[in-house]
Amino acid sequence: MITRAKLVEQLREHQIRSAQSYSAALAVFSPSPHIASRRDLKVALIYAVLFCFLMVSCYVALYLKCFKLSAMFVIFGILLPLSLKISRHRRLKRKRERRLLLPLSM
């Protein structure tokens, strides 16, 4: 017999699985460690669109034989995910340090 608690648990698992479908792909472009809110999702989406724009601009610059401009777009395309990864690690480090500053009774 299916109880209410089992239904709630199944619904929660389904929500977690469906929420992870888009967040896993955008986690690379998120400045925060986890996509927990709509704001984090919007920021990650903006960074993903910016990255795609940089790559398309690189291809267009190569097609037009502007090699220096294309190299600049490639460098920016590399620096964008790298800087986001560094900011994620900094946030996690600050979070760990704040957690260590709390008294043990908490």
PDB file of N, CA and C in Angstrom:
ATOM      1  N   MET A   1       0.844  -1.180   0.000  1.00  0.00           N
ATOM      2  CA  MET A   1       0.000   0.000   0.000  1.00  0.00           C
ATOM      3  C   MET A   1       0.891   1.246   0.000  1.00  0.00           C
ATOM      4  N   ILE A   2       0.534   2.187  -0.833  1.00  0.00           N
ATOM      5  CA  ILE A   2       1.309   3.418  -0.960  1.00  0.00           C
ATOM      6  C   ILE A   2       0.820   4.427   0.068  1.00  0.00           C
ATOM      7  N   THR A   3       1.737   4.865   0.880  1.00  0.00           N
ATOM      8  CA  THR A   3       1.382   5.855   1.889  1.00  0.00           C
ATOM      9  C   THR A   3       1.743   7.248   1.396  1.00  0.00           C
ATOM     10  N   ARG A   4       1.283   8.216   2.127  1.00  0.00           N
ATOM     11  CA  ARG A   4       1.540   9.600   1.760  1.00  0.00           C
ATOM     12  C   ARG A   4       3.035   9.932   1.841  1.00  0.00           C
ATOM     13  N   ALA A   5       3.699   9.377   2.827  1.00  0.00           N
ATOM     14  CA  ALA A   5       5.127   9.624   3.000  1.00  0.00           C
ATOM     15  C   ALA A   5       5.929   9.090   1.810  1.00  0.00           C
ATOM     16  N   LYS A   6       5.535   7.912   1.298  1.00  0.00           N
ATOM     17  CA  LYS A   6       6.232   7.359   0.137  1.00  0.00           C
ATOM     18  C   LYS A   6       6.011   8.221  -1.102  1.00  0.00           C
ATOM     19  N   LEU A   7       4.790   8.732  -1.257  1.00  0.00           N
ATOM     20  CA  LEU A   7       4.506   9.605  -2.394  1.00  0.00           C
ATOM     21  C   LEU A   7       5.324  10.898  -2.316  1.00  0.00           C
ATOM     22  N   VAL A   8       5.412  11.447  -1.122  1.00  0.00           N
ATOM     23  CA  VAL A   8       6.196  12.668  -0.934  1.00  0.00           C
ATOM     24  C   VAL A   8       7.664  12.398  -1.242  1.00  0.00           C
ATOM     25  N   GLU A   9       8.171  11.266  -0.811  1.00  0.00           N
ATOM     26  CA  GLU A   9       9.557  10.908  -1.060  1.00  0.00           C
ATOM     27  C   GLU A   9       9.814  10.718  -2.560  1.00  0.00           C
ATOM     28  N   GLN A  10       8.890  10.066  -3.253  1.00  0.00           N
ATOM     29  CA  GLN A  10       9.038   9.876  -4.692  1.00  0.00           C
ATOM     30  C   GLN A  10       8.997  11.209  -5.428  1.00  0.00           C
ATOM     31  N   LEU A  11       8.116  12.114  -4.994  1.00  0.00           N
ATOM     32  CA  LEU A  11       8.029  13.426  -5.611  1.00  0.00           C
ATOM     33  C   LEU A  11       9.320  14.214  -5.396  1.00  0.00           C
ATOM     34  N   ARG A  12       9.863  14.154  -4.196  1.00  0.00           N
ATOM     35  CA  ARG A  12      11.105  14.852  -3.893  1.00  0.00           C
ATOM     36  C   ARG A  12      12.251  14.312  -4.747  1.00  0.00           C
ATOM     37  N   GLU A  13      12.343  12.992  -4.896  1.00  0.00           N
ATOM     38  CA  GLU A  13      13.393  12.402  -5.726  1.00  0.00           C
ATOM     39  C   GLU A  13      13.243  12.814  -7.184  1.00  0.00           C
ATOM     40  N   HIS A  14      12.000  12.851  -7.656  1.00  0.00           N
ATOM     41  CA  HIS A  14      11.759  13.265  -9.032  1.00  0.00           C
ATOM     42  C   HIS A  14      12.156  14.728  -9.243  1.00  0.00           C
ATOM     43  N   GLN A  15      11.855  15.586  -8.277  1.00  0.00           N
ATOM     44  CA  GLN A  15      12.224  16.997  -8.388  1.00  0.00           C
ATOM     45  C   GLN A  15      13.734  17.167  -8.392  1.00  0.00           C
ATOM     46  N   ILE A  16      14.418  16.387  -7.584  1.00  0.00           N
ATOM     47  CA  ILE A  16      15.876  16.468  -7.532  1.00  0.00           C
ATOM     48  C   ILE A  16      16.468  16.014  -8.867  1.00  0.00           C
ATOM     49  N   ARG A  17      15.956  14.915  -9.424  1.00  0.00           N
ATOM     50  CA  ARG A  17      16.467  14.430 -10.701  1.00  0.00           C
ATOM     51  C   ARG A  17      16.184  15.405 -11.829  1.00  0.00           C
ATOM     52  N   SER A  18      15.000  15.998 -11.842  1.00  0.00           N
ATOM     53  CA  SER A  18      14.661  16.921 -12.926  1.00  0.00           C
ATOM     54  C   SER A  18      15.418  18.241 -12.775  1.00  0.00           C
ATOM     55  N   ALA A  19      15.711  18.643 -11.550  1.00  0.00           N
ATOM     56  CA  ALA A  19      16.467  19.878 -11.336  1.00  0.00           C
ATOM     57  C   ALA A  19      17.916  19.704 -11.761  1.00  0.00           C
ATOM     58  N   GLN A  20      18.450  18.520 -11.650  1.00  0.00           N
ATOM     59  CA  GLN A  20      19.842  18.292 -11.992  1.00  0.00           C
ATOM     60  C   GLN A  20      20.060  18.172 -13.496  1.00  0.00           C
ATOM     61  N   SER A  21      19.002  18.027 -14.268  1.00  0.00           N
ATOM     62  CA  SER A  21      19.169  17.831 -15.700  1.00  0.00           C
ATOM     63  C   SER A  21      19.788  19.050 -16.369  1.00  0.00           C
ATOM     64  N   TYR A  22      19.366  20.238 -16.006  1.00  0.00           N
ATOM     65  CA  TYR A  22      19.943  21.430 -16.621  1.00  0.00           C
ATOM     66  C   TYR A  22      21.113  21.969 -15.805  1.00  0.00           C
ATOM     67  N   SER A  23      21.102  21.754 -14.513  1.00  0.00           N
ATOM     68  CA  SER A  23      22.153  22.337 -13.680  1.00  0.00           C
ATOM     69  C   SER A  23      23.495  21.648 -13.894  1.00  0.00           C
ATOM     70  N   ALA A  24      23.487  20.392 -14.297  1.00  0.00           N
ATOM     71  CA  ALA A  24      24.756  19.710 -14.531  1.00  0.00           C
ATOM     72  C   ALA A  24      25.475  20.304 -15.736  1.00  0.00           C
ATOM     73  N   ALA A  25      24.723  20.654 -16.755  1.00  0.00           N
ATOM     74  CA  ALA A  25      25.345  21.230 -17.946  1.00  0.00           C
ATOM     75  C   ALA A  25      25.809  22.659 -17.698  1.00  0.00           C
ATOM     76  N   LEU A  26      25.094  23.390 -16.873  1.00  0.00           N
ATOM     77  CA  LEU A  26      25.440  24.790 -16.627  1.00  0.00           C
ATOM     78  C   LEU A  26      26.357  24.979 -15.419  1.00  0.00           C
ATOM     79  N   ALA A  27      26.682  23.918 -14.718  1.00  0.00           N
ATOM     80  CA  ALA A  27      27.512  24.038 -13.523  1.00  0.00           C
ATOM     81  C   ALA A  27      28.907  24.562 -13.858  1.00  0.00           C
ATOM     82  N   VAL A  28      29.362  24.313 -15.072  1.00  0.00           N
ATOM     83  CA  VAL A  28      30.678  24.799 -15.482  1.00  0.00           C
ATOM     84  C   VAL A  28      30.689  26.321 -15.537  1.00  0.00           C
ATOM     85  N   PHE A  29      29.564  26.920 -15.909  1.00  0.00           N
ATOM     86  CA  PHE A  29      29.495  28.366 -16.087  1.00  0.00           C
ATOM     87  C   PHE A  29      28.919  29.094 -14.889  1.00  0.00           C
ATOM     88  N   SER A  30      28.719  28.404 -13.794  1.00  0.00           N
ATOM     89  CA  SER A  30      28.163  29.035 -12.605  1.00  0.00           C
ATOM     90  C   SER A  30      29.287  29.543 -11.704  1.00  0.00           C
ATOM     91  N   PRO A  31      29.208  30.807 -11.267  1.00  0.00           N
ATOM     92  CA  PRO A  31      30.237  31.293 -10.351  1.00  0.00           C
ATOM     93  C   PRO A  31      30.083  30.740  -8.934  1.00  0.00           C
ATOM     94  N   SER A  32      28.907  30.217  -8.607  1.00  0.00           N
ATOM     95  CA  SER A  32      28.711  29.614  -7.285  1.00  0.00           C
ATOM     96  C   SER A  32      28.900  28.104  -7.407  1.00  0.00           C
ATOM     97  N   PRO A  33      29.231  27.428  -6.323  1.00  0.00           N
ATOM     98  CA  PRO A  33      29.506  25.993  -6.393  1.00  0.00           C
ATOM     99  C   PRO A  33      28.307  25.145  -6.838  1.00  0.00           C
ATOM    100  N   HIS A  34      27.102  25.554  -6.453  1.00  0.00           N
ATOM    101  CA  HIS A  34      25.907  24.806  -6.803  1.00  0.00           C
ATOM    102  C   HIS A  34      24.854  25.767  -7.325  1.00  0.00           C
ATOM    103  N   ILE A  35      24.085  25.315  -8.306  1.00  0.00           N
ATOM    104  CA  ILE A  35      22.985  26.132  -8.811  1.00  0.00           C
ATOM    105  C   ILE A  35      21.789  25.841  -7.913  1.00  0.00           C
ATOM    106  N   ALA A  36      21.518  26.782  -7.015  1.00  0.00           N
ATOM    107  CA  ALA A  36      20.471  26.568  -6.020  1.00  0.00           C
ATOM    108  C   ALA A  36      19.259  27.459  -6.251  1.00  0.00           C
ATOM    109  N   SER A  37      19.420  28.550  -6.971  1.00  0.00           N
ATOM    110  CA  SER A  37      18.304  29.470  -7.151  1.00  0.00           C
ATOM    111  C   SER A  37      18.193  29.865  -8.620  1.00  0.00           C
ATOM    112  N   ARG A  38      17.131  30.580  -8.908  1.00  0.00           N
ATOM    113  CA  ARG A  38      16.939  31.052 -10.280  1.00  0.00           C
ATOM    114  C   ARG A  38      18.001  32.081 -10.662  1.00  0.00           C
ATOM    115  N   ARG A  39      18.441  32.846  -9.697  1.00  0.00           N
ATOM    116  CA  ARG A  39      19.487  33.832  -9.961  1.00  0.00           C
ATOM    117  C   ARG A  39      20.764  33.140 -10.401  1.00  0.00           C
ATOM    118  N   ASP A  40      21.156  32.072  -9.711  1.00  0.00           N
ATOM    119  CA  ASP A  40      22.349  31.314 -10.098  1.00  0.00           C
ATOM    120  C   ASP A  40      22.189  30.729 -11.498  1.00  0.00           C
ATOM    121  N   LEU A  41      20.989  30.271 -11.804  1.00  0.00           N
ATOM    122  CA  LEU A  41      20.720  29.714 -13.119  1.00  0.00           C
ATOM    123  C   LEU A  41      20.845  30.781 -14.203  1.00  0.00           C
ATOM    124  N   LYS A  42      20.301  31.976 -13.943  1.00  0.00           N
ATOM    125  CA  LYS A  42      20.377  33.063 -14.920  1.00  0.00           C
ATOM    126  C   LYS A  42      21.818  33.495 -15.156  1.00  0.00           C
ATOM    127  N   VAL A  43      22.595  33.604 -14.083  1.00  0.00           N
ATOM    128  CA  VAL A  43      23.997  34.005 -14.219  1.00  0.00           C
ATOM    129  C   VAL A  43      24.771  32.957 -15.009  1.00  0.00           C
ATOM    130  N   ALA A  44      24.544  31.691 -14.721  1.00  0.00           N
ATOM    131  CA  ALA A  44      25.226  30.614 -15.447  1.00  0.00           C
ATOM    132  C   ALA A  44      24.820  30.619 -16.920  1.00  0.00           C
ATOM    133  N   LEU A  45      23.570  30.878 -17.190  1.00  0.00           N
ATOM    134  CA  LEU A  45      23.094  30.932 -18.570  1.00  0.00           C
ATOM    135  C   LEU A  45      23.714  32.108 -19.325  1.00  0.00           C
ATOM    136  N   ILE A  46      23.846  33.244 -18.669  1.00  0.00           N
ATOM    137  CA  ILE A  46      24.476  34.408 -19.301  1.00  0.00           C
ATOM    138  C   ILE A  46      25.940  34.104 -19.631  1.00  0.00           C
ATOM    139  N   TYR A  47      26.660  33.471 -18.697  1.00  0.00           N
ATOM    140  CA  TYR A  47      28.050  33.119 -18.963  1.00  0.00           C
ATOM    141  C   TYR A  47      28.158  32.079 -20.087  1.00  0.00           C
ATOM    142  N   ALA A  48      27.231  31.143 -20.150  1.00  0.00           N
ATOM    143  CA  ALA A  48      27.249  30.139 -21.221  1.00  0.00           C
ATOM    144  C   ALA A  48      27.007  30.793 -22.577  1.00  0.00           C
ATOM    145  N   VAL A  49      26.073  31.734 -22.639  1.00  0.00           N
ATOM    146  CA  VAL A  49      25.809  32.446 -23.892  1.00  0.00           C
ATOM    147  C   VAL A  49      27.025  33.289 -24.285  1.00  0.00           C
ATOM    148  N   LEU A  50      27.663  33.921 -23.323  1.00  0.00           N
ATOM    149  CA  LEU A  50      28.871  34.699 -23.594  1.00  0.00           C
ATOM    150  C   LEU A  50      29.976  33.808 -24.147  1.00  0.00           C
ATOM    151  N   PHE A  51      30.135  32.623 -23.573  1.00  0.00           N
ATOM    152  CA  PHE A  51      31.147  31.682 -24.054  1.00  0.00           C
ATOM    153  C   PHE A  51      30.842  31.248 -25.488  1.00  0.00           C
ATOM    154  N   CYS A  52      29.580  30.951 -25.769  1.00  0.00           N
ATOM    155  CA  CYS A  52      29.205  30.567 -27.139  1.00  0.00           C
ATOM    156  C   CYS A  52      29.454  31.716 -28.117  1.00  0.00           C
ATOM    157  N   PHE A  53      29.156  32.937 -27.688  1.00  0.00           N
ATOM    158  CA  PHE A  53      29.412  34.104 -28.533  1.00  0.00           C
ATOM    159  C   PHE A  53      30.904  34.246 -28.824  1.00  0.00           C
ATOM    160  N   LEU A  54      31.745  34.026 -27.820  1.00  0.00           N
ATOM    161  CA  LEU A  54      33.189  34.108 -28.025  1.00  0.00           C
ATOM    162  C   LEU A  54      33.672  33.057 -29.025  1.00  0.00           C
ATOM    163  N   MET A  55      33.136  31.845 -28.936  1.00  0.00           N
ATOM    164  CA  MET A  55      33.567  30.797 -29.850  1.00  0.00           C
ATOM    165  C   MET A  55      33.092  31.073 -31.279  1.00  0.00           C
ATOM    166  N   VAL A  56      31.876  31.556 -31.437  1.00  0.00           N
ATOM    167  CA  VAL A  56      31.374  31.895 -32.778  1.00  0.00           C
ATOM    168  C   VAL A  56      32.179  33.058 -33.350  1.00  0.00           C
ATOM    169  N   SER A  57      32.491  34.042 -32.511  1.00  0.00           N
ATOM    170  CA  SER A  57      33.303  35.170 -32.961  1.00  0.00           C
ATOM    171  C   SER A  57      34.691  34.707 -33.383  1.00  0.00           C
ATOM    172  N   CYS A  58      35.228  33.733 -32.700  1.00  0.00           N
ATOM    173  CA  CYS A  58      36.526  33.181 -33.061  1.00  0.00           C
ATOM    174  C   CYS A  58      36.468  32.540 -34.444  1.00  0.00           C
ATOM    175  N   TYR A  59      35.417  31.767 -34.701  1.00  0.00           N
ATOM    176  CA  TYR A  59      35.279  31.123 -36.011  1.00  0.00           C
ATOM    177  C   TYR A  59      35.094  32.149 -37.122  1.00  0.00           C
ATOM    178  N   VAL A  60      34.326  33.190 -36.845  1.00  0.00           N
ATOM    179  CA  VAL A  60      34.123  34.239 -37.845  1.00  0.00           C
ATOM    180  C   VAL A  60      35.438  34.963 -38.114  1.00  0.00           C
ATOM    181  N   ALA A  61      36.193  35.245 -37.069  1.00  0.00           N
ATOM    182  CA  ALA A  61      37.482  35.918 -37.243  1.00  0.00           C
ATOM    183  C   ALA A  61      38.449  35.039 -38.039  1.00  0.00           C
ATOM    184  N   LEU A  62      38.425  33.735 -37.798  1.00  0.00           N
ATOM    185  CA  LEU A  62      39.267  32.832 -38.585  1.00  0.00           C
ATOM    186  C   LEU A  62      38.829  32.812 -40.044  1.00  0.00           C
ATOM    187  N   TYR A  63      37.526  32.826 -40.275  1.00  0.00           N
ATOM    188  CA  TYR A  63      37.002  32.830 -41.645  1.00  0.00           C
ATOM    189  C   TYR A  63      37.428  34.094 -42.379  1.00  0.00           C
ATOM    190  N   LEU A  64      37.448  35.215 -41.658  1.00  0.00           N
ATOM    191  CA  LEU A  64      37.856  36.482 -42.258  1.00  0.00           C
ATOM    192  C   LEU A  64      39.372  36.691 -42.227  1.00  0.00           C
ATOM    193  N   LYS A  65      40.099  35.689 -41.764  1.00  0.00           N
ATOM    194  CA  LYS A  65      41.563  35.674 -41.705  1.00  0.00           C
ATOM    195  C   LYS A  65      42.137  36.781 -40.817  1.00  0.00           C
ATOM    196  N   CYS A  66      41.455  37.042 -39.705  1.00  0.00           N
ATOM    197  CA  CYS A  66      41.956  37.962 -38.675  1.00  0.00           C
ATOM    198  C   CYS A  66      42.490  37.099 -37.534  1.00  0.00           C
ATOM    199  N   PHE A  67      43.727  36.662 -37.685  1.00  0.00           N
ATOM    200  CA  PHE A  67      44.269  35.668 -36.764  1.00  0.00           C
ATOM    201  C   PHE A  67      44.519  36.227 -35.363  1.00  0.00           C
ATOM    202  N   LYS A  68      44.932  37.467 -35.271  1.00  0.00           N
ATOM    203  CA  LYS A  68      45.158  38.070 -33.955  1.00  0.00           C
ATOM    204  C   LYS A  68      43.853  38.220 -33.188  1.00  0.00           C
ATOM    205  N   LEU A  69      42.804  38.632 -33.887  1.00  0.00           N
ATOM    206  CA  LEU A  69      41.491  38.768 -33.253  1.00  0.00           C
ATOM    207  C   LEU A  69      40.956  37.407 -32.829  1.00  0.00           C
ATOM    208  N   SER A  70      41.168  36.406 -33.663  1.00  0.00           N
ATOM    209  CA  SER A  70      40.740  35.053 -33.332  1.00  0.00           C
ATOM    210  C   SER A  70      41.485  34.519 -32.114  1.00  0.00           C
ATOM    211  N   ALA A  71      42.777  34.796 -32.039  1.00  0.00           N
ATOM    212  CA  ALA A  71      43.568  34.360 -30.884  1.00  0.00           C
ATOM    213  C   ALA A  71      43.079  35.051 -29.611  1.00  0.00           C
ATOM    214  N   MET A  72      42.703  36.311 -29.736  1.00  0.00           N
ATOM    215  CA  MET A  72      42.180  37.033 -28.574  1.00  0.00           C
ATOM    216  C   MET A  72      40.871  36.403 -28.089  1.00  0.00           C
ATOM    217  N   PHE A  73      39.995  36.034 -29.023  1.00  0.00           N
ATOM    218  CA  PHE A  73      38.737  35.383 -28.639  1.00  0.00           C
ATOM    219  C   PHE A  73      38.993  34.022 -27.984  1.00  0.00           C
ATOM    220  N   VAL A  74      39.969  33.299 -28.478  1.00  0.00           N
ATOM    221  CA  VAL A  74      40.307  32.002 -27.880  1.00  0.00           C
ATOM    222  C   VAL A  74      40.818  32.199 -26.457  1.00  0.00           C
ATOM    223  N   ILE A  75      41.665  33.191 -26.252  1.00  0.00           N
ATOM    224  CA  ILE A  75      42.205  33.457 -24.914  1.00  0.00           C
ATOM    225  C   ILE A  75      41.083  33.836 -23.951  1.00  0.00           C
ATOM    226  N   PHE A  76      40.167  34.707 -24.404  1.00  0.00           N
ATOM    227  CA  PHE A  76      39.024  35.062 -23.552  1.00  0.00           C
ATOM    228  C   PHE A  76      38.140  33.847 -23.284  1.00  0.00           C
ATOM    229  N   GLY A  77      37.981  32.992 -24.287  1.00  0.00           N
ATOM    230  CA  GLY A  77      37.189  31.772 -24.110  1.00  0.00           C
ATOM    231  C   GLY A  77      37.803  30.817 -23.108  1.00  0.00           C
ATOM    232  N   ILE A  78      39.126  30.808 -23.026  1.00  0.00           N
ATOM    233  CA  ILE A  78      39.808  29.966 -22.043  1.00  0.00           C
ATOM    234  C   ILE A  78      39.743  30.605 -20.657  1.00  0.00           C
ATOM    235  N   LEU A  79      39.912  31.919 -20.608  1.00  0.00           N
ATOM    236  CA  LEU A  79      39.939  32.614 -19.316  1.00  0.00           C
ATOM    237  C   LEU A  79      38.575  32.651 -18.626  1.00  0.00           C
ATOM    238  N   LEU A  80      37.480  32.646 -19.384  1.00  0.00           N
ATOM    239  CA  LEU A  80      36.148  32.722 -18.785  1.00  0.00           C
ATOM    240  C   LEU A  80      35.857  31.528 -17.877  1.00  0.00           C
ATOM    241  N   PRO A  81      35.913  30.270 -18.357  1.00  0.00           N
ATOM    242  CA  PRO A  81      35.664  29.154 -17.429  1.00  0.00           C
ATOM    243  C   PRO A  81      36.719  29.041 -16.331  1.00  0.00           C
ATOM    244  N   LEU A  82      37.952  29.422 -16.654  1.00  0.00           N
ATOM    245  CA  LEU A  82      39.013  29.352 -15.657  1.00  0.00           C
ATOM    246  C   LEU A  82      38.754  30.322 -14.509  1.00  0.00           C
ATOM    247  N   SER A  83      38.355  31.545 -14.831  1.00  0.00           N
ATOM    248  CA  SER A  83      38.069  32.516 -13.774  1.00  0.00           C
ATOM    249  C   SER A  83      36.831  32.111 -12.966  1.00  0.00           C
ATOM    250  N   LEU A  84      35.849  31.504 -13.617  1.00  0.00           N
ATOM    251  CA  LEU A  84      34.669  31.033 -12.885  1.00  0.00           C
ATOM    252  C   LEU A  84      35.035  29.898 -11.930  1.00  0.00           C
ATOM    253  N   LYS A  85      35.938  29.036 -12.362  1.00  0.00           N
ATOM    254  CA  LYS A  85      36.381  27.940 -11.492  1.00  0.00           C
ATOM    255  C   LYS A  85      37.127  28.480 -10.281  1.00  0.00           C
ATOM    256  N   ILE A  86      37.963  29.478 -10.495  1.00  0.00           N
ATOM    257  CA  ILE A  86      38.697  30.090  -9.381  1.00  0.00           C
ATOM    258  C   ILE A  86      37.739  30.759  -8.404  1.00  0.00           C
ATOM    259  N   SER A  87      36.727  31.448  -8.923  1.00  0.00           N
ATOM    260  CA  SER A  87      35.766  32.112  -8.029  1.00  0.00           C
ATOM    261  C   SER A  87      34.945  31.085  -7.238  1.00  0.00           C
ATOM    262  N   ARG A  88      34.630  29.939  -7.868  1.00  0.00           N
ATOM    263  CA  ARG A  88      33.923  28.875  -7.130  1.00  0.00           C
ATOM    264  C   ARG A  88      34.766  28.364  -5.977  1.00  0.00           C
ATOM    265  N   HIS A  89      36.054  28.136  -6.232  1.00  0.00           N
ATOM    266  CA  HIS A  89      36.941  27.645  -5.175  1.00  0.00           C
ATOM    267  C   HIS A  89      37.101  28.676  -4.065  1.00  0.00           C
ATOM    268  N   ARG A  90      37.148  29.947  -4.412  1.00  0.00           N
ATOM    269  CA  ARG A  90      37.250  30.986  -3.385  1.00  0.00           C
ATOM    270  C   ARG A  90      36.004  31.023  -2.516  1.00  0.00           C
ATOM    271  N   ARG A  91      34.837  30.893  -3.138  1.00  0.00           N
ATOM    272  CA  ARG A  91      33.594  30.890  -2.347  1.00  0.00           C
ATOM    273  C   ARG A  91      33.539  29.692  -1.416  1.00  0.00           C
ATOM    274  N   LEU A  92      33.928  28.532  -1.917  1.00  0.00           N
ATOM    275  CA  LEU A  92      33.938  27.346  -1.057  1.00  0.00           C
ATOM    276  C   LEU A  92      34.928  27.510   0.095  1.00  0.00           C
ATOM    277  N   LYS A  93      36.076  28.105  -0.184  1.00  0.00           N
ATOM    278  CA  LYS A  93      37.081  28.314   0.856  1.00  0.00           C
ATOM    279  C   LYS A  93      36.557  29.263   1.929  1.00  0.00           C
ATOM    280  N   ARG A  94      35.908  30.366   1.493  1.00  0.00           N
ATOM    281  CA  ARG A  94      35.341  31.305   2.470  1.00  0.00           C
ATOM    282  C   ARG A  94      34.241  30.636   3.289  1.00  0.00           C
ATOM    283  N   LYS A  95      33.449  29.796   2.634  1.00  0.00           N
ATOM    284  CA  LYS A  95      32.363  29.111   3.340  1.00  0.00           C
ATOM    285  C   LYS A  95      32.931  28.155   4.397  1.00  0.00           C
ATOM    286  N   ARG A  96      33.991  27.448   4.037  1.00  0.00           N
ATOM    287  CA  ARG A  96      34.623  26.539   5.006  1.00  0.00           C
ATOM    288  C   ARG A  96      35.219  27.310   6.179  1.00  0.00           C
ATOM    289  N   GLU A  97      35.849  28.440   5.872  1.00  0.00           N
ATOM    290  CA  GLU A  97      36.441  29.243   6.947  1.00  0.00           C
ATOM    291  C   GLU A  97      35.376  29.794   7.879  1.00  0.00           C
ATOM    292  N   ARG A  98      34.245  30.237   7.327  1.00  0.00           N
ATOM    293  CA  ARG A  98      33.159  30.737   8.179  1.00  0.00           C
ATOM    294  C   ARG A  98      32.592  29.627   9.041  1.00  0.00           C
ATOM    295  N   ARG A  99      32.528  28.429   8.475  1.00  0.00           N
ATOM    296  CA  ARG A  99      32.015  27.296   9.232  1.00  0.00           C
ATOM    297  C   ARG A  99      32.930  26.964  10.401  1.00  0.00           C
ATOM    298  N   LEU A 100      34.233  27.111  10.198  1.00  0.00           N
ATOM    299  CA  LEU A 100      35.191  26.824  11.261  1.00  0.00           C
ATOM    300  C   LEU A 100      35.149  27.892  12.353  1.00  0.00           C
ATOM    301  N   LEU A 101      34.706  29.099  12.032  1.00  0.00           N
ATOM    302  CA  LEU A 101      34.649  30.154  13.009  1.00  0.00           C
ATOM    303  C   LEU A 101      33.444  30.042  13.953  1.00  0.00           C
ATOM    304  N   LEU A 102      32.460  29.227  13.575  1.00  0.00           N
ATOM    305  CA  LEU A 102      31.287  29.060  14.420  1.00  0.00           C
ATOM    306  C   LEU A 102      31.662  28.302  15.692  1.00  0.00           C
ATOM    307  N   PRO A 103      30.999  28.618  16.784  1.00  0.00           N
ATOM    308  CA  PRO A 103      31.261  27.846  18.005  1.00  0.00           C
ATOM    309  C   PRO A 103      30.792  26.409  17.837  1.00  0.00           C
ATOM    310  N   LEU A 104      31.423  25.523  18.590  1.00  0.00           N
ATOM    311  CA  LEU A 104      31.104  24.098  18.448  1.00  0.00           C
ATOM    312  C   LEU A 104      29.676  23.770  18.901  1.00  0.00           C
ATOM    313  N   SER A 105      29.078  24.600  19.720  1.00  0.00           N
ATOM    314  CA  SER A 105      27.719  24.302  20.184  1.00  0.00           C
ATOM    315  C   SER A 105      26.710  24.449  19.050  1.00  0.00           C
ATOM    316  N   MET A 106      27.058  25.182  17.998  1.00  0.00           N
ATOM    317  CA  MET A 106      26.150  25.338  16.890  1.00  0.00           C
ATOM    318  C   MET A 106      26.317  24.185  15.946  1.00  0.00           C
TER     319      MET A 106
END
